[in-house]
Amino acid sequence: MRTDLDRRALVARLVARRGPALLLAGLGSPAWDLAAAGDHPHHFYLWGGMGGAFAMGLGLALARPERRVVVLAGDGEALMGLSSLATIAAAKASNLALLVLDNAAYGETGGQPTATEAGVDLAGMAAAAGFPSTLRLERAEDIEAALDLLLEGPGPVLVQARIDRRPQPLVLPPKDVVLLKARLRAALGVEPELAR
């Protein structure tokens, strides 16, 4: 796979334009990319549960229909959570957007090729499931249009960004999931849960 898209630059531009959107990052590199762009109370990082990022994003989008929710996931996680595309399409969550950072490799387990290396089209699968807005992002000059779609397009949206495989410095986000949950709830104005 040849591409000039730098994952960190793409995620940094998304964060710079985030506005009130909530950003949820799947495990591994998407979480590190989001943390590298600057931690924020509107960011939530999944530290495990590969394949669950899309479903969790749907739950958050349905719970907070007034807020845009953008899920960042790798292609390996997206492939593991393919059934979520049908559920998301059926739910018609107009405030949900999925950004697949597709380097065609399982970065967490040694760089083995994923099915996208063989041509599997995640954006095409989302369109076939019923997503009104999908895009394959392959050129740096198309990033702003992709960000417009992710942040403002009629959802659900899926953007499959074909990124390069260059290793990036490890930037770990907060790992305390109780803290992450509490800070997101506070940022959303949700009352703290009563101690039991």
Protein backbone atom coordinates (compact mmCIF):
# COMPACT_ATOMS: atom_id res chain seq x y z
CA MET A 1 0.00 0.00 0.00
CA ARG A 2 1.38 3.39 -0.97
CA THR A 3 -0.08 6.55 0.52
CA ASP A 4 1.11 9.95 1.65
CA LEU A 5 -1.35 10.24 4.54
CA ASP A 6 0.32 10.63 7.92
CA ARG A 7 -1.93 9.25 10.69
CA ARG A 8 -0.76 11.71 13.34
CA ALA A 9 -1.24 14.73 11.09
CA LEU A 10 -4.72 13.55 10.12
CA VAL A 11 -5.81 12.99 13.74
CA ALA A 12 -4.26 16.33 14.82
CA ARG A 13 -6.31 18.13 12.17
CA LEU A 14 -9.45 16.34 13.35
CA VAL A 15 -8.77 17.40 16.95
CA ALA A 16 -8.10 20.99 15.87
CA ARG A 17 -11.54 21.09 14.22
CA ARG A 18 -13.35 18.96 16.84
CA GLY A 19 -15.50 21.72 18.33
CA PRO A 20 -18.04 20.12 20.70
CA ALA A 21 -17.68 16.63 19.17
CA LEU A 22 -16.88 13.67 21.40
CA LEU A 23 -13.95 11.56 20.20
CA LEU A 24 -13.71 7.89 21.10
CA ALA A 25 -10.53 5.98 20.19
CA GLY A 26 -10.27 2.23 19.80
CA LEU A 27 -7.39 0.30 21.26
CA GLY A 28 -3.79 0.75 20.20
CA SER A 29 -2.55 3.27 17.68
CA PRO A 30 -5.81 5.26 17.30
CA ALA A 31 -5.72 5.95 21.06
CA TRP A 32 -2.04 6.89 20.91
CA ASP A 33 -2.71 9.18 17.92
CA LEU A 34 -5.55 10.91 19.76
CA ALA A 35 -3.42 11.33 22.90
CA ALA A 36 -0.55 12.72 20.79
CA ALA A 37 -2.90 15.37 19.41
CA GLY A 38 -3.68 16.51 22.97
CA ASP A 39 -5.71 14.91 25.72
CA HIS A 40 -9.12 16.44 26.46
CA PRO A 41 -12.16 15.63 28.65
CA HIS A 42 -14.16 15.00 25.44
CA HIS A 43 -11.81 12.16 24.50
CA PHE A 44 -12.43 8.58 25.60
CA TYR A 45 -9.87 5.83 25.04
CA LEU A 46 -10.67 2.13 24.84
CA TRP A 47 -7.81 0.12 26.25
CA GLY A 48 -9.16 -3.27 25.26
CA GLY A 49 -12.15 -5.02 23.82
CA MET A 50 -10.97 -5.10 20.21
CA GLY A 51 -13.91 -4.79 17.85
CA GLY A 52 -16.08 -2.86 20.31
CA ALA A 53 -15.27 0.74 19.41
CA PHE A 54 -18.02 1.12 16.78
CA ALA A 55 -20.68 -0.33 19.09
CA MET A 56 -19.59 1.86 21.99
CA GLY A 57 -19.66 4.89 19.72
CA LEU A 58 -23.20 4.00 18.67
CA GLY A 59 -24.28 3.76 22.31
CA LEU A 60 -22.79 7.17 23.06
CA ALA A 61 -24.34 8.70 19.93
CA LEU A 62 -27.79 7.35 20.81
CA ALA A 63 -27.46 8.53 24.42
CA ARG A 64 -26.35 12.03 23.36
CA PRO A 65 -28.12 12.79 20.05
CA GLU A 66 -27.32 16.49 20.38
CA ARG A 67 -23.55 15.81 20.18
CA ARG A 68 -21.44 14.62 17.27
CA VAL A 69 -19.58 11.40 18.13
CA VAL A 70 -16.51 10.45 16.10
CA VAL A 71 -14.95 7.00 16.58
CA LEU A 72 -11.32 6.45 15.58
CA ALA A 73 -10.43 2.80 14.94
CA GLY A 74 -7.80 0.84 13.11
CA ASP A 75 -8.63 -1.42 10.19
CA GLY A 76 -8.07 -4.53 12.32
CA GLU A 77 -10.61 -3.35 14.88
CA ALA A 78 -13.03 -2.32 12.12
CA LEU A 79 -12.79 -5.77 10.54
CA MET A 80 -13.44 -7.42 13.89
CA GLY A 81 -16.51 -5.22 14.45
CA LEU A 82 -18.06 -5.49 10.98
CA SER A 83 -21.44 -6.59 12.33
CA SER A 84 -21.69 -3.22 14.05
CA LEU A 85 -21.97 -1.54 10.65
CA ALA A 86 -25.38 -3.14 10.08
CA THR A 87 -26.56 -2.19 13.57
CA ILE A 88 -25.34 1.40 13.14
CA ALA A 89 -27.03 1.71 9.75
CA ALA A 90 -30.31 0.33 11.13
CA ALA A 91 -30.16 2.74 14.09
CA LYS A 92 -29.76 5.69 11.70
CA ALA A 93 -27.55 7.56 14.17
CA SER A 94 -27.20 10.80 12.23
CA ASN A 95 -24.66 12.17 14.74
CA LEU A 96 -22.21 9.24 14.48
CA ALA A 97 -19.06 9.21 12.34
CA LEU A 98 -16.43 6.48 12.06
CA LEU A 99 -12.84 7.19 11.02
CA VAL A 100 -10.97 4.01 10.11
CA LEU A 101 -7.20 4.56 10.20
CA ASP A 102 -6.34 1.87 7.64
CA ASN A 103 -2.67 0.93 7.33
CA ALA A 104 -3.62 -2.58 6.12
CA ALA A 105 -1.81 -4.15 9.09
CA TYR A 106 -2.42 -5.39 12.61
CA GLY A 107 -0.13 -2.91 14.34
CA GLU A 108 -0.57 -4.33 17.83
CA THR A 109 0.54 -7.86 17.00
CA GLY A 110 3.49 -7.41 14.68
CA GLY A 111 2.25 -5.85 11.46
CA GLN A 112 0.58 -8.85 9.85
CA PRO A 113 -1.52 -7.79 6.84
CA THR A 114 -5.26 -7.28 7.34
CA ALA A 115 -7.92 -8.05 4.74
CA THR A 116 -7.79 -4.43 3.54
CA GLU A 117 -4.33 -5.23 2.14
CA ALA A 118 -6.11 -7.69 -0.16
CA GLY A 119 -8.63 -5.05 -1.25
CA VAL A 120 -11.48 -5.32 1.27
CA ASP A 121 -13.36 -2.01 1.02
CA LEU A 122 -14.68 -0.95 4.43
CA ALA A 123 -16.27 2.22 3.04
CA GLY A 124 -18.05 0.12 0.41
CA MET A 125 -19.28 -2.28 3.09
CA ALA A 126 -20.67 0.62 5.14
CA ALA A 127 -22.42 2.01 2.06
CA ALA A 128 -23.90 -1.42 1.31
CA ALA A 129 -25.14 -1.61 4.92
CA GLY A 130 -27.01 1.67 4.45
CA PHE A 131 -24.65 4.43 5.60
CA PRO A 132 -25.71 7.61 3.74
CA SER A 133 -22.14 8.98 3.72
CA THR A 134 -18.89 7.09 3.08
CA LEU A 135 -15.51 8.05 1.69
CA ARG A 136 -12.14 6.46 0.93
CA LEU A 137 -9.49 9.01 1.85
CA GLU A 138 -6.19 8.40 0.07
CA ARG A 139 -4.72 11.83 -0.70
CA ALA A 140 -3.61 14.59 1.68
CA GLU A 141 -5.37 17.22 -0.44
CA ASP A 142 -8.71 15.58 0.38
CA ILE A 143 -8.34 15.70 4.17
CA GLU A 144 -10.43 18.84 4.72
CA ALA A 145 -13.34 17.38 2.73
CA ALA A 146 -13.08 14.19 4.80
CA LEU A 147 -13.09 16.20 8.03
CA ASP A 148 -16.14 18.15 6.83
CA LEU A 149 -17.91 14.82 6.30
CA LEU A 150 -16.81 13.41 9.67
CA LEU A 151 -17.83 16.48 11.66
CA GLU A 152 -20.86 17.72 9.74
CA GLY A 153 -22.03 15.16 7.18
CA PRO A 154 -25.33 13.34 7.52
CA GLY A 155 -24.63 10.23 9.52
CA PRO A 156 -23.88 7.62 10.05
CA VAL A 157 -20.62 8.37 8.26
CA LEU A 158 -17.61 6.13 7.59
CA VAL A 159 -14.30 7.47 6.28
CA GLN A 160 -11.67 4.85 5.44
CA ALA A 161 -8.35 6.70 5.54
CA ARG A 162 -5.53 4.79 3.85
CA ILE A 163 -2.61 5.85 6.05
CA ASP A 164 1.08 5.01 5.88
CA ARG A 165 2.72 2.37 8.07
CA ARG A 166 5.56 4.47 9.47
CA PRO A 167 6.05 3.83 13.18
CA GLN A 168 5.10 6.72 15.45
CA PRO A 169 6.35 7.56 18.93
CA LEU A 170 4.29 5.95 21.66
CA VAL A 171 2.06 8.51 23.40
CA LEU A 172 -0.08 6.81 26.02
CA PRO A 173 -3.38 8.38 27.10
CA PRO A 174 -4.68 8.06 30.66
CA LYS A 175 -5.23 4.39 31.45
CA ASP A 176 -7.58 4.70 34.44
CA VAL A 177 -10.93 3.84 32.84
CA VAL A 178 -12.87 4.94 35.93
CA LEU A 179 -11.23 8.36 35.66
CA LEU A 180 -11.92 8.48 31.90
CA LYS A 181 -15.59 7.63 32.44
CA ALA A 182 -15.98 10.15 35.26
CA ARG A 183 -14.31 12.95 33.34
CA LEU A 184 -16.43 12.32 30.21
CA ARG A 185 -19.60 12.26 32.32
CA ALA A 186 -18.54 15.53 33.99
CA ALA A 187 -17.79 17.13 30.61
CA LEU A 188 -21.29 16.12 29.47
CA GLY A 189 -22.88 17.53 32.62
CA VAL A 190 -24.00 14.12 33.89
CA GLU A 191 -24.37 13.89 37.65
CA PRO A 192 -21.87 11.61 39.37
CA GLU A 193 -23.13 8.18 40.22
CA LEU A 194 -24.14 7.65 43.82
CA ALA A 195 -21.79 5.51 45.87
CA ARG A 196 -23.31 2.14 46.74
